[in-house]
N, C-alpha and C. Protein backbone atom coordinates (compact mmCIF):
# COMPACT_ATOMS: atom_id res chain seq x y z
N MET A 1 29.34 157.05 67.72
CA MET A 1 28.24 158.01 67.73
C MET A 1 27.03 157.39 68.42
N VAL A 2 26.22 158.24 69.06
CA VAL A 2 25.02 157.76 69.72
C VAL A 2 23.83 158.45 69.07
N ASP A 3 22.66 157.84 69.23
CA ASP A 3 21.45 158.45 68.73
C ASP A 3 21.17 159.74 69.48
N ARG A 4 20.43 160.62 68.85
CA ARG A 4 20.07 161.88 69.50
C ARG A 4 19.19 161.61 70.71
N VAL A 5 19.52 162.25 71.82
CA VAL A 5 18.77 162.11 73.06
C VAL A 5 17.92 163.36 73.26
N ARG A 6 16.66 163.17 73.62
CA ARG A 6 15.74 164.28 73.88
C ARG A 6 15.73 164.55 75.38
N VAL A 7 16.02 165.80 75.75
CA VAL A 7 16.26 166.15 77.15
C VAL A 7 15.36 167.30 77.59
N VAL A 8 14.89 167.21 78.85
CA VAL A 8 14.27 168.34 79.53
C VAL A 8 15.20 168.73 80.67
N ILE A 9 15.51 170.01 80.79
CA ILE A 9 16.41 170.50 81.83
C ILE A 9 15.61 171.33 82.83
N ALA A 10 15.79 171.03 84.12
CA ALA A 10 15.15 171.79 85.19
C ALA A 10 16.24 172.34 86.10
N GLU A 11 16.49 173.63 86.00
CA GLU A 11 17.56 174.28 86.76
C GLU A 11 17.18 175.75 86.93
N ASP A 12 17.16 176.24 88.17
CA ASP A 12 16.68 177.61 88.39
C ASP A 12 17.72 178.66 88.00
N SER A 13 18.99 178.28 87.92
CA SER A 13 20.00 179.22 87.45
C SER A 13 19.94 179.29 85.92
N VAL A 14 19.54 180.46 85.43
CA VAL A 14 19.41 180.62 83.98
C VAL A 14 20.74 180.37 83.29
N LEU A 15 21.82 180.87 83.89
CA LEU A 15 23.14 180.71 83.28
C LEU A 15 23.52 179.24 83.16
N LEU A 16 23.32 178.48 84.24
CA LEU A 16 23.65 177.06 84.19
C LEU A 16 22.72 176.31 83.25
N ARG A 17 21.45 176.67 83.27
CA ARG A 17 20.49 176.00 82.37
C ARG A 17 20.87 176.21 80.91
N GLU A 18 21.24 177.42 80.58
CA GLU A 18 21.64 177.70 79.21
C GLU A 18 22.96 177.01 78.87
N GLY A 19 23.84 176.92 79.87
CA GLY A 19 25.10 176.24 79.63
C GLY A 19 24.91 174.75 79.37
N LEU A 20 24.05 174.11 80.16
CA LEU A 20 23.76 172.70 79.95
C LEU A 20 23.12 172.47 78.58
N THR A 21 22.24 173.38 78.22
CA THR A 21 21.58 173.29 76.92
C THR A 21 22.61 173.34 75.79
N ARG A 22 23.54 174.25 75.91
CA ARG A 22 24.57 174.41 74.88
C ARG A 22 25.46 173.18 74.80
N LEU A 23 25.86 172.65 75.97
CA LEU A 23 26.70 171.46 75.99
C LEU A 23 26.06 170.30 75.24
N LEU A 24 24.76 170.12 75.47
CA LEU A 24 24.06 168.99 74.87
C LEU A 24 23.76 169.21 73.39
N THR A 25 23.29 170.40 73.05
CA THR A 25 22.93 170.66 71.65
C THR A 25 24.16 170.69 70.75
N ASP A 26 25.28 171.14 71.28
CA ASP A 26 26.52 171.16 70.50
C ASP A 26 26.98 169.75 70.15
N ARG A 27 26.49 168.78 70.91
CA ARG A 27 26.88 167.39 70.66
C ARG A 27 25.76 166.58 70.02
N GLY A 28 24.82 167.30 69.41
CA GLY A 28 23.80 166.66 68.60
C GLY A 28 22.55 166.22 69.31
N HIS A 29 22.41 166.56 70.59
CA HIS A 29 21.21 166.17 71.33
C HIS A 29 20.18 167.29 71.29
N GLU A 30 18.97 166.98 71.67
CA GLU A 30 17.86 167.94 71.56
C GLU A 30 17.31 168.26 72.94
N VAL A 31 17.40 169.52 73.32
CA VAL A 31 16.79 169.97 74.57
C VAL A 31 15.39 170.48 74.22
N VAL A 32 14.38 169.69 74.60
CA VAL A 32 13.01 170.00 74.19
C VAL A 32 12.36 171.02 75.09
N ALA A 33 12.91 171.22 76.31
CA ALA A 33 12.37 172.23 77.22
C ALA A 33 13.38 172.52 78.32
N GLY A 34 13.34 173.77 78.79
CA GLY A 34 14.16 174.17 79.92
C GLY A 34 13.30 174.97 80.88
N VAL A 35 13.27 174.57 82.16
CA VAL A 35 12.40 175.21 83.14
C VAL A 35 13.20 175.55 84.39
N GLY A 36 12.60 176.41 85.24
CA GLY A 36 13.32 176.90 86.41
C GLY A 36 12.82 176.42 87.75
N ASP A 37 11.77 175.60 87.78
CA ASP A 37 11.30 175.09 89.07
C ASP A 37 10.62 173.73 88.89
N ALA A 38 10.41 173.07 90.01
CA ALA A 38 9.89 171.69 89.98
C ALA A 38 8.47 171.63 89.43
N GLU A 39 7.65 172.61 89.79
CA GLU A 39 6.26 172.61 89.30
C GLU A 39 6.23 172.70 87.78
N ALA A 40 7.08 173.57 87.23
CA ALA A 40 7.14 173.71 85.78
C ALA A 40 7.67 172.44 85.13
N LEU A 41 8.58 171.76 85.82
CA LEU A 41 9.12 170.49 85.30
C LEU A 41 8.01 169.46 85.16
N LEU A 42 7.24 169.28 86.21
CA LEU A 42 6.16 168.30 86.18
C LEU A 42 5.13 168.67 85.12
N LYS A 43 4.86 169.95 84.98
CA LYS A 43 3.88 170.41 84.01
C LYS A 43 4.33 170.12 82.58
N VAL A 44 5.58 170.46 82.27
CA VAL A 44 6.05 170.30 80.89
C VAL A 44 6.17 168.83 80.53
N VAL A 45 6.60 167.99 81.46
CA VAL A 45 6.68 166.55 81.16
C VAL A 45 5.28 165.98 80.98
N GLY A 46 4.32 166.46 81.78
CA GLY A 46 2.94 166.03 81.61
C GLY A 46 2.39 166.40 80.25
N GLU A 47 2.70 167.62 79.80
CA GLU A 47 2.24 168.08 78.49
C GLU A 47 2.88 167.26 77.37
N LEU A 48 4.16 166.95 77.52
CA LEU A 48 4.83 166.13 76.52
C LEU A 48 4.25 164.71 76.49
N ALA A 49 3.87 164.21 77.66
CA ALA A 49 3.24 162.88 77.72
C ALA A 49 1.91 162.89 76.99
N ASP A 50 1.14 163.97 77.15
CA ASP A 50 -0.15 164.09 76.47
C ASP A 50 0.02 164.11 74.96
N GLU A 51 1.17 164.62 74.52
CA GLU A 51 1.46 164.69 73.08
C GLU A 51 2.17 163.43 72.58
N ASP A 52 2.31 162.45 73.47
CA ASP A 52 3.04 161.22 73.14
C ASP A 52 4.46 161.56 72.69
N ALA A 53 5.08 162.51 73.40
CA ALA A 53 6.42 162.98 73.02
C ALA A 53 7.31 163.11 74.25
N LEU A 54 7.25 162.12 75.13
CA LEU A 54 8.06 162.17 76.34
C LEU A 54 9.55 162.29 76.02
N PRO A 55 10.30 163.01 76.84
CA PRO A 55 11.75 163.08 76.64
C PRO A 55 12.39 161.75 77.00
N ASP A 56 13.63 161.56 76.58
CA ASP A 56 14.38 160.36 76.96
C ASP A 56 14.92 160.48 78.38
N VAL A 57 15.21 161.71 78.78
CA VAL A 57 15.83 161.92 80.09
C VAL A 57 15.52 163.34 80.59
N VAL A 58 15.41 163.45 81.89
CA VAL A 58 15.26 164.75 82.56
C VAL A 58 16.53 165.00 83.37
N VAL A 59 17.09 166.18 83.24
CA VAL A 59 18.23 166.60 84.05
C VAL A 59 17.71 167.67 85.01
N ALA A 60 17.77 167.40 86.32
CA ALA A 60 17.14 168.31 87.28
C ALA A 60 18.05 168.59 88.47
N ASP A 61 17.99 169.83 88.93
CA ASP A 61 18.67 170.21 90.16
C ASP A 61 17.93 169.62 91.35
N VAL A 62 18.66 169.20 92.38
CA VAL A 62 18.02 168.66 93.58
C VAL A 62 17.24 169.73 94.31
N ARG A 63 17.82 170.90 94.46
CA ARG A 63 17.20 172.00 95.22
C ARG A 63 16.69 173.05 94.25
N MET A 64 15.39 173.32 94.33
CA MET A 64 14.77 174.26 93.40
C MET A 64 13.76 175.15 94.14
N PRO A 65 13.32 176.26 93.50
CA PRO A 65 12.33 177.13 94.12
C PRO A 65 11.04 176.38 94.42
N PRO A 66 10.25 176.85 95.39
CA PRO A 66 10.43 178.12 96.10
C PRO A 66 11.31 178.05 97.34
N THR A 67 11.50 176.88 97.95
CA THR A 67 12.24 176.81 99.21
C THR A 67 13.70 176.41 99.03
N HIS A 68 14.05 175.92 97.84
CA HIS A 68 15.43 175.48 97.57
C HIS A 68 15.87 174.39 98.55
N THR A 69 14.96 173.46 98.84
CA THR A 69 15.32 172.33 99.71
C THR A 69 15.27 171.04 98.89
N ASP A 70 14.09 170.42 98.82
CA ASP A 70 14.01 169.12 98.15
C ASP A 70 13.02 169.07 97.00
N GLU A 71 12.60 170.24 96.49
CA GLU A 71 11.60 170.24 95.42
C GLU A 71 12.05 169.45 94.20
N GLY A 72 13.30 169.63 93.82
CA GLY A 72 13.79 168.97 92.62
C GLY A 72 13.82 167.47 92.73
N VAL A 73 14.34 166.95 93.85
CA VAL A 73 14.42 165.50 94.00
C VAL A 73 13.04 164.89 94.17
N LYS A 74 12.11 165.61 94.82
CA LYS A 74 10.74 165.10 94.94
C LYS A 74 10.09 164.99 93.56
N ALA A 75 10.33 166.00 92.73
CA ALA A 75 9.79 165.95 91.37
C ALA A 75 10.42 164.79 90.59
N ALA A 76 11.71 164.58 90.80
CA ALA A 76 12.41 163.48 90.11
C ALA A 76 11.82 162.13 90.51
N VAL A 77 11.58 161.94 91.80
CA VAL A 77 11.00 160.68 92.29
C VAL A 77 9.60 160.49 91.71
N ARG A 78 8.84 161.57 91.65
CA ARG A 78 7.48 161.48 91.08
C ARG A 78 7.53 161.13 89.60
N LEU A 79 8.47 161.72 88.86
CA LEU A 79 8.60 161.43 87.44
C LEU A 79 8.98 159.97 87.22
N ARG A 80 9.85 159.45 88.07
CA ARG A 80 10.24 158.05 87.93
C ARG A 80 9.03 157.13 88.16
N ARG A 81 8.14 157.55 89.05
CA ARG A 81 6.95 156.74 89.32
C ARG A 81 5.93 156.86 88.20
N ASP A 82 5.69 158.08 87.74
CA ASP A 82 4.63 158.32 86.76
C ASP A 82 5.06 158.01 85.33
N HIS A 83 6.35 158.18 85.04
CA HIS A 83 6.85 157.97 83.68
C HIS A 83 8.14 157.14 83.74
N PRO A 84 8.02 155.86 84.04
CA PRO A 84 9.21 155.02 84.24
C PRO A 84 10.11 154.88 83.02
N SER A 85 9.60 155.22 81.84
CA SER A 85 10.44 155.13 80.65
C SER A 85 11.40 156.31 80.52
N VAL A 86 11.18 157.35 81.32
CA VAL A 86 12.00 158.56 81.26
C VAL A 86 13.15 158.44 82.25
N GLY A 87 14.38 158.56 81.76
CA GLY A 87 15.53 158.56 82.66
C GLY A 87 15.57 159.86 83.46
N VAL A 88 16.12 159.78 84.67
CA VAL A 88 16.22 160.96 85.53
C VAL A 88 17.65 161.09 86.04
N LEU A 89 18.28 162.21 85.73
CA LEU A 89 19.63 162.51 86.21
C LEU A 89 19.55 163.78 87.05
N VAL A 90 19.82 163.67 88.35
CA VAL A 90 19.78 164.84 89.21
C VAL A 90 21.18 165.37 89.46
N LEU A 91 21.26 166.68 89.61
CA LEU A 91 22.52 167.36 89.88
C LEU A 91 22.44 168.01 91.26
N SER A 92 23.52 167.92 92.01
CA SER A 92 23.53 168.48 93.36
C SER A 92 24.87 169.15 93.62
N GLN A 93 24.84 170.21 94.44
CA GLN A 93 26.08 170.89 94.81
C GLN A 93 26.91 170.03 95.73
N TYR A 94 26.22 169.24 96.58
CA TYR A 94 26.90 168.39 97.55
C TYR A 94 26.28 166.99 97.52
N VAL A 95 26.95 166.04 98.17
CA VAL A 95 26.36 164.71 98.33
C VAL A 95 25.31 164.79 99.42
N GLU A 96 24.05 164.67 99.04
CA GLU A 96 22.95 164.71 100.00
C GLU A 96 22.39 163.30 100.11
N GLU A 97 22.84 162.62 101.15
CA GLU A 97 22.62 161.18 101.29
C GLU A 97 21.14 160.81 101.27
N GLN A 98 20.33 161.57 101.99
CA GLN A 98 18.90 161.25 102.07
C GLN A 98 18.26 161.32 100.69
N TYR A 99 18.59 162.35 99.93
CA TYR A 99 17.99 162.53 98.61
C TYR A 99 18.47 161.45 97.64
N ALA A 100 19.76 161.12 97.70
CA ALA A 100 20.29 160.09 96.82
C ALA A 100 19.62 158.75 97.10
N THR A 101 19.46 158.43 98.38
CA THR A 101 18.83 157.17 98.75
C THR A 101 17.39 157.13 98.29
N GLU A 102 16.67 158.25 98.47
CA GLU A 102 15.27 158.32 98.04
C GLU A 102 15.15 158.11 96.54
N LEU A 103 16.04 158.72 95.79
CA LEU A 103 15.99 158.61 94.34
C LEU A 103 16.27 157.18 93.89
N LEU A 104 17.20 156.51 94.56
CA LEU A 104 17.63 155.18 94.14
C LEU A 104 16.79 154.05 94.71
N ALA A 105 15.81 154.40 95.54
CA ALA A 105 15.04 153.36 96.23
C ALA A 105 13.98 152.70 95.37
N GLY A 106 13.68 153.27 94.23
CA GLY A 106 12.64 152.70 93.38
C GLY A 106 13.21 151.81 92.29
N SER A 107 12.69 151.97 91.08
CA SER A 107 13.14 151.17 89.94
C SER A 107 14.62 151.39 89.69
N SER A 108 15.28 150.36 89.19
CA SER A 108 16.72 150.44 88.92
C SER A 108 17.02 150.93 87.51
N ARG A 109 16.01 151.35 86.79
CA ARG A 109 16.21 151.73 85.39
C ARG A 109 16.36 153.23 85.22
N GLY A 110 17.40 153.65 84.49
CA GLY A 110 17.53 155.03 84.08
C GLY A 110 17.60 156.04 85.21
N VAL A 111 18.65 156.01 86.01
CA VAL A 111 18.77 156.95 87.12
C VAL A 111 20.22 157.40 87.28
N GLY A 112 20.39 158.65 87.66
CA GLY A 112 21.73 159.16 87.89
C GLY A 112 21.74 160.24 88.95
N TYR A 113 22.87 160.38 89.63
CA TYR A 113 23.05 161.41 90.64
C TYR A 113 24.50 161.89 90.51
N LEU A 114 24.66 163.12 90.05
CA LEU A 114 25.99 163.68 89.84
C LEU A 114 26.16 164.98 90.62
N LEU A 115 27.37 165.23 91.07
CA LEU A 115 27.69 166.53 91.64
C LEU A 115 27.87 167.53 90.50
N LYS A 116 27.49 168.77 90.76
CA LYS A 116 27.55 169.78 89.69
C LYS A 116 28.97 170.00 89.18
N ASP A 117 29.95 169.73 90.02
CA ASP A 117 31.33 169.89 89.57
C ASP A 117 31.65 169.02 88.37
N ARG A 118 30.92 167.90 88.22
CA ARG A 118 31.18 166.98 87.11
C ARG A 118 30.82 167.59 85.77
N VAL A 119 29.95 168.60 85.79
CA VAL A 119 29.56 169.23 84.53
C VAL A 119 30.77 169.86 83.85
N ALA A 120 31.77 170.21 84.65
CA ALA A 120 32.99 170.81 84.08
C ALA A 120 33.71 169.83 83.16
N ASP A 121 33.54 168.54 83.42
CA ASP A 121 34.08 167.52 82.52
C ASP A 121 32.98 167.22 81.50
N VAL A 122 33.01 167.94 80.40
CA VAL A 122 31.90 167.91 79.44
C VAL A 122 31.63 166.50 78.94
N ARG A 123 32.68 165.78 78.58
CA ARG A 123 32.47 164.44 78.04
C ARG A 123 31.83 163.52 79.08
N GLU A 124 32.29 163.61 80.33
CA GLU A 124 31.74 162.77 81.38
C GLU A 124 30.27 163.08 81.61
N PHE A 125 29.93 164.36 81.61
CA PHE A 125 28.55 164.76 81.83
C PHE A 125 27.65 164.28 80.70
N VAL A 126 28.05 164.55 79.47
CA VAL A 126 27.23 164.14 78.33
C VAL A 126 27.09 162.63 78.27
N ASP A 127 28.17 161.92 78.55
CA ASP A 127 28.09 160.45 78.59
C ASP A 127 27.09 159.98 79.64
N ALA A 128 27.06 160.67 80.77
CA ALA A 128 26.12 160.30 81.84
C ALA A 128 24.69 160.53 81.39
N VAL A 129 24.43 161.63 80.73
CA VAL A 129 23.08 161.92 80.22
C VAL A 129 22.64 160.83 79.25
N VAL A 130 23.52 160.48 78.32
CA VAL A 130 23.19 159.45 77.32
C VAL A 130 22.97 158.10 77.99
N ARG A 131 23.81 157.77 78.96
CA ARG A 131 23.71 156.48 79.63
C ARG A 131 22.38 156.36 80.39
N VAL A 132 22.00 157.41 81.11
CA VAL A 132 20.74 157.39 81.85
C VAL A 132 19.56 157.34 80.89
N ALA A 133 19.65 158.08 79.80
CA ALA A 133 18.57 158.07 78.79
C ALA A 133 18.36 156.67 78.23
N ALA A 134 19.44 155.90 78.15
CA ALA A 134 19.37 154.54 77.60
C ALA A 134 18.95 153.50 78.64
N GLY A 135 18.67 153.96 79.87
CA GLY A 135 18.23 153.04 80.91
C GLY A 135 19.31 152.59 81.85
N GLY A 136 20.50 153.19 81.72
CA GLY A 136 21.61 152.83 82.60
C GLY A 136 21.66 153.70 83.84
N THR A 137 22.77 153.62 84.56
CA THR A 137 22.95 154.40 85.77
C THR A 137 24.20 155.27 85.65
N ALA A 138 24.19 156.39 86.38
CA ALA A 138 25.34 157.27 86.41
C ALA A 138 25.42 157.88 87.81
N LEU A 139 26.22 157.27 88.66
CA LEU A 139 26.35 157.73 90.04
C LEU A 139 27.73 158.33 90.24
N ASP A 140 27.75 159.53 90.81
CA ASP A 140 29.01 160.20 91.07
C ASP A 140 29.87 159.35 92.01
N PRO A 141 31.16 159.23 91.75
CA PRO A 141 32.03 158.44 92.63
C PRO A 141 31.95 158.87 94.09
N GLU A 142 31.80 160.17 94.35
CA GLU A 142 31.70 160.64 95.73
C GLU A 142 30.40 160.20 96.37
N VAL A 143 29.33 160.14 95.57
CA VAL A 143 28.05 159.65 96.08
C VAL A 143 28.18 158.18 96.45
N VAL A 144 28.78 157.40 95.55
CA VAL A 144 28.97 155.98 95.80
C VAL A 144 29.80 155.76 97.06
N ALA A 145 30.90 156.50 97.18
CA ALA A 145 31.78 156.33 98.33
C ALA A 145 31.05 156.63 99.63
N GLN A 146 30.25 157.68 99.65
CA GLN A 146 29.55 158.05 100.88
C GLN A 146 28.44 157.07 101.20
N LEU A 147 27.65 156.69 100.21
CA LEU A 147 26.53 155.80 100.47
C LEU A 147 26.99 154.40 100.86
N LEU A 148 28.03 153.90 100.20
CA LEU A 148 28.50 152.55 100.49
C LEU A 148 29.47 152.52 101.66
N GLY A 149 29.91 153.69 102.10
CA GLY A 149 30.88 153.73 103.17
C GLY A 149 30.28 153.93 104.55
N ARG A 150 28.98 154.02 104.64
CA ARG A 150 28.36 154.21 105.94
C ARG A 150 28.62 153.02 106.85
N SER A 151 28.85 153.28 108.10
CA SER A 151 29.25 152.22 109.04
C SER A 151 28.21 151.12 109.14
N ARG A 152 26.95 151.44 109.02
CA ARG A 152 25.93 150.41 109.17
C ARG A 152 25.91 149.46 107.99
N LYS A 153 26.72 149.74 106.95
CA LYS A 153 26.79 148.85 105.81
C LYS A 153 28.00 147.92 105.89
N GLN A 154 28.83 148.08 106.94
CA GLN A 154 30.07 147.33 106.98
C GLN A 154 29.85 145.82 107.05
N ASP A 155 28.79 145.37 107.75
CA ASP A 155 28.53 143.95 107.83
C ASP A 155 28.27 143.36 106.44
N VAL A 156 27.55 144.11 105.61
CA VAL A 156 27.26 143.66 104.26
C VAL A 156 28.53 143.65 103.42
N LEU A 157 29.32 144.68 103.58
CA LEU A 157 30.55 144.80 102.79
C LEU A 157 31.61 143.80 103.22
N ALA A 158 31.49 143.28 104.44
CA ALA A 158 32.53 142.41 104.97
C ALA A 158 32.72 141.15 104.12
N GLY A 159 31.69 140.73 103.42
CA GLY A 159 31.79 139.52 102.61
C GLY A 159 32.51 139.73 101.30
N LEU A 160 32.77 140.97 100.93
CA LEU A 160 33.44 141.27 99.66
C LEU A 160 34.93 141.50 99.88
N THR A 161 35.72 141.08 98.94
CA THR A 161 37.14 141.37 99.00
C THR A 161 37.37 142.83 98.63
N PRO A 162 38.54 143.39 98.96
CA PRO A 162 38.82 144.78 98.57
C PRO A 162 38.65 145.00 97.07
N ARG A 163 39.09 144.06 96.27
CA ARG A 163 38.96 144.21 94.82
C ARG A 163 37.50 144.19 94.39
N GLU A 164 36.70 143.31 95.03
CA GLU A 164 35.27 143.25 94.70
C GLU A 164 34.57 144.55 95.08
N ARG A 165 34.98 145.15 96.18
CA ARG A 165 34.41 146.45 96.57
C ARG A 165 34.75 147.51 95.53
N GLU A 166 35.99 147.45 95.05
CA GLU A 166 36.42 148.41 94.04
C GLU A 166 35.63 148.22 92.75
N VAL A 167 35.44 146.97 92.35
CA VAL A 167 34.65 146.68 91.15
C VAL A 167 33.21 147.13 91.34
N LEU A 168 32.64 146.90 92.52
CA LEU A 168 31.26 147.31 92.79
C LEU A 168 31.12 148.82 92.70
N GLY A 169 32.10 149.56 93.21
CA GLY A 169 32.05 151.01 93.12
C GLY A 169 32.03 151.48 91.68
N LEU A 170 32.83 150.85 90.83
CA LEU A 170 32.87 151.21 89.41
C LEU A 170 31.59 150.79 88.70
N MET A 171 31.02 149.65 89.11
CA MET A 171 29.72 149.23 88.57
C MET A 171 28.66 150.27 88.90
N ALA A 172 28.69 150.77 90.13
CA ALA A 172 27.69 151.73 90.57
C ALA A 172 27.80 153.06 89.83
N GLU A 173 28.98 153.32 89.26
CA GLU A 173 29.13 154.52 88.44
C GLU A 173 28.57 154.32 87.04
N GLY A 174 28.11 153.08 86.75
CA GLY A 174 27.51 152.79 85.46
C GLY A 174 28.49 152.31 84.41
N ARG A 175 29.68 151.90 84.83
CA ARG A 175 30.69 151.47 83.87
C ARG A 175 30.47 150.03 83.44
N THR A 176 30.79 149.75 82.20
CA THR A 176 30.69 148.39 81.67
C THR A 176 31.86 147.57 82.18
N ASN A 177 31.78 146.24 81.99
CA ASN A 177 32.89 145.38 82.39
C ASN A 177 34.18 145.76 81.68
N SER A 178 34.07 146.10 80.40
CA SER A 178 35.26 146.49 79.64
C SER A 178 35.88 147.76 80.19
N ALA A 179 35.02 148.72 80.55
CA ALA A 179 35.52 149.98 81.11
C ALA A 179 36.17 149.74 82.47
N ILE A 180 35.59 148.85 83.26
CA ILE A 180 36.17 148.53 84.56
C ILE A 180 37.53 147.86 84.38
N ALA A 181 37.61 146.93 83.42
CA ALA A 181 38.88 146.25 83.15
C ALA A 181 39.96 147.26 82.76
N LYS A 182 39.59 148.22 81.95
CA LYS A 182 40.55 149.24 81.52
C LYS A 182 40.99 150.09 82.70
N GLN A 183 40.04 150.46 83.56
CA GLN A 183 40.34 151.29 84.73
C GLN A 183 41.28 150.58 85.69
N LEU A 184 41.03 149.28 85.90
CA LEU A 184 41.82 148.51 86.87
C LEU A 184 43.04 147.82 86.25
N VAL A 185 43.16 147.95 84.92
CA VAL A 185 44.26 147.34 84.18
C VAL A 185 44.29 145.82 84.42
N VAL A 186 43.14 145.20 84.18
CA VAL A 186 43.02 143.74 84.28
C VAL A 186 42.24 143.26 83.06
N SER A 187 42.11 141.96 82.91
CA SER A 187 41.40 141.41 81.76
C SER A 187 39.89 141.49 81.97
N ASP A 188 39.16 141.45 80.86
CA ASP A 188 37.70 141.41 80.94
C ASP A 188 37.23 140.19 81.72
N GLY A 189 37.92 139.06 81.51
CA GLY A 189 37.56 137.84 82.21
C GLY A 189 37.69 137.97 83.72
N ALA A 190 38.72 138.68 84.16
CA ALA A 190 38.92 138.87 85.59
C ALA A 190 37.78 139.69 86.18
N VAL A 191 37.36 140.73 85.45
CA VAL A 191 36.25 141.55 85.92
C VAL A 191 34.96 140.74 85.97
N GLU A 192 34.72 139.94 84.94
CA GLU A 192 33.52 139.11 84.91
C GLU A 192 33.48 138.18 86.11
N LYS A 193 34.64 137.65 86.50
CA LYS A 193 34.70 136.77 87.66
C LYS A 193 34.37 137.53 88.94
N HIS A 194 34.91 138.74 89.08
CA HIS A 194 34.62 139.55 90.26
C HIS A 194 33.12 139.88 90.32
N VAL A 195 32.57 140.25 89.18
CA VAL A 195 31.14 140.62 89.15
C VAL A 195 30.28 139.42 89.53
N SER A 196 30.62 138.26 89.01
CA SER A 196 29.87 137.04 89.35
C SER A 196 29.94 136.75 90.85
N ASN A 197 31.12 136.95 91.43
CA ASN A 197 31.29 136.72 92.87
C ASN A 197 30.46 137.71 93.68
N ILE A 198 30.41 138.95 93.21
CA ILE A 198 29.60 139.97 93.91
C ILE A 198 28.14 139.57 93.90
N PHE A 199 27.63 139.18 92.72
CA PHE A 199 26.24 138.76 92.62
C PHE A 199 25.96 137.58 93.55
N LEU A 200 26.89 136.64 93.57
CA LEU A 200 26.72 135.44 94.39
C LEU A 200 26.66 135.80 95.88
N LYS A 201 27.58 136.65 96.31
CA LYS A 201 27.65 137.00 97.72
C LYS A 201 26.46 137.85 98.16
N LEU A 202 25.86 138.57 97.22
CA LEU A 202 24.70 139.40 97.55
C LEU A 202 23.38 138.66 97.32
N GLY A 203 23.48 137.43 96.85
CA GLY A 203 22.28 136.63 96.66
C GLY A 203 21.42 137.07 95.49
N LEU A 204 22.06 137.63 94.46
CA LEU A 204 21.33 138.10 93.28
C LEU A 204 21.39 137.01 92.20
N ALA A 205 20.27 136.34 92.01
CA ALA A 205 20.21 135.22 91.08
C ALA A 205 20.14 135.70 89.64
N PRO A 206 20.51 134.83 88.67
CA PRO A 206 20.42 135.19 87.25
C PRO A 206 19.01 135.64 86.84
N SER A 207 18.00 135.18 87.54
CA SER A 207 16.63 135.56 87.20
C SER A 207 16.37 137.04 87.38
N ASP A 208 17.27 137.72 88.13
CA ASP A 208 17.11 139.16 88.31
C ASP A 208 17.44 139.94 87.05
N GLY A 209 17.99 139.26 86.05
CA GLY A 209 18.21 139.87 84.75
C GLY A 209 19.33 140.89 84.73
N ASP A 210 19.28 141.76 83.71
CA ASP A 210 20.35 142.72 83.47
C ASP A 210 20.47 143.75 84.59
N HIS A 211 19.43 143.91 85.41
CA HIS A 211 19.47 144.94 86.44
C HIS A 211 20.24 144.50 87.68
N ARG A 212 20.84 143.32 87.66
CA ARG A 212 21.61 142.87 88.82
C ARG A 212 22.73 143.85 89.17
N ARG A 213 23.27 144.52 88.18
CA ARG A 213 24.35 145.47 88.45
C ARG A 213 23.86 146.58 89.38
N VAL A 214 22.68 147.11 89.08
CA VAL A 214 22.14 148.18 89.93
C VAL A 214 21.61 147.60 91.24
N LEU A 215 20.99 146.43 91.17
CA LEU A 215 20.49 145.79 92.39
C LEU A 215 21.61 145.53 93.38
N ALA A 216 22.82 145.28 92.86
CA ALA A 216 23.96 145.08 93.76
C ALA A 216 24.19 146.31 94.62
N VAL A 217 24.05 147.49 94.02
CA VAL A 217 24.21 148.73 94.77
C VAL A 217 23.00 148.96 95.68
N LEU A 218 21.81 148.73 95.15
CA LEU A 218 20.61 148.97 95.94
C LEU A 218 20.51 148.03 97.14
N THR A 219 21.12 146.86 97.04
CA THR A 219 21.15 145.95 98.19
C THR A 219 21.80 146.64 99.38
N TYR A 220 22.89 147.36 99.13
CA TYR A 220 23.55 148.08 100.21
C TYR A 220 22.69 149.23 100.72
N LEU A 221 22.12 149.98 99.78
CA LEU A 221 21.36 151.15 100.17
C LEU A 221 20.14 150.80 101.01
N ASN A 222 19.54 149.64 100.75
CA ASN A 222 18.30 149.28 101.41
C ASN A 222 18.47 148.26 102.54
N SER A 223 19.71 147.84 102.80
CA SER A 223 19.92 146.81 103.83
C SER A 223 19.92 147.43 105.23
């Protein structure tokens, strides 16, 4: 069991917004607000901040009114800057590389980018919300594949073995070492060795702390 997570949902589709609310509340979490556009999202989070009642996480659509282009992701980036304690999980119909990179370019704490199709897997979606609320990451496998697969990243990836690349992809999805070991059907010790090698090859020293897992991904995105 996990502690109750307080969530704000920003989604212009009333049907989807209500569906997300139901998914979360049925599993013991609290949706403190639901809004339909980016301006309303920023307003409600600001009001909650004034009441010293910030949510644990915001779930927001990338494209929102009035233009349905980048309002949602811009609001998400602003929230990460203004309220770094609040996790931000954005939902998108497609992998939008520019928006994903913009979202991931700041702090490595509490961030997620999922395709809307993932919502159909209720457990996966709720787990992602909880993970981001707790300060972890939740990146859609398709997002990871596209961002890390760009040709201009090949020189950086060349230093990693195929297995290390596979482990890094699973790390970027926010999985623990134990979960990675289970996925790859190897021992926890083997995964720990791969992770250590990845950090070493990317030049991430122990002083970087617990965020080295996310920094490993951000190294590719920003190189």
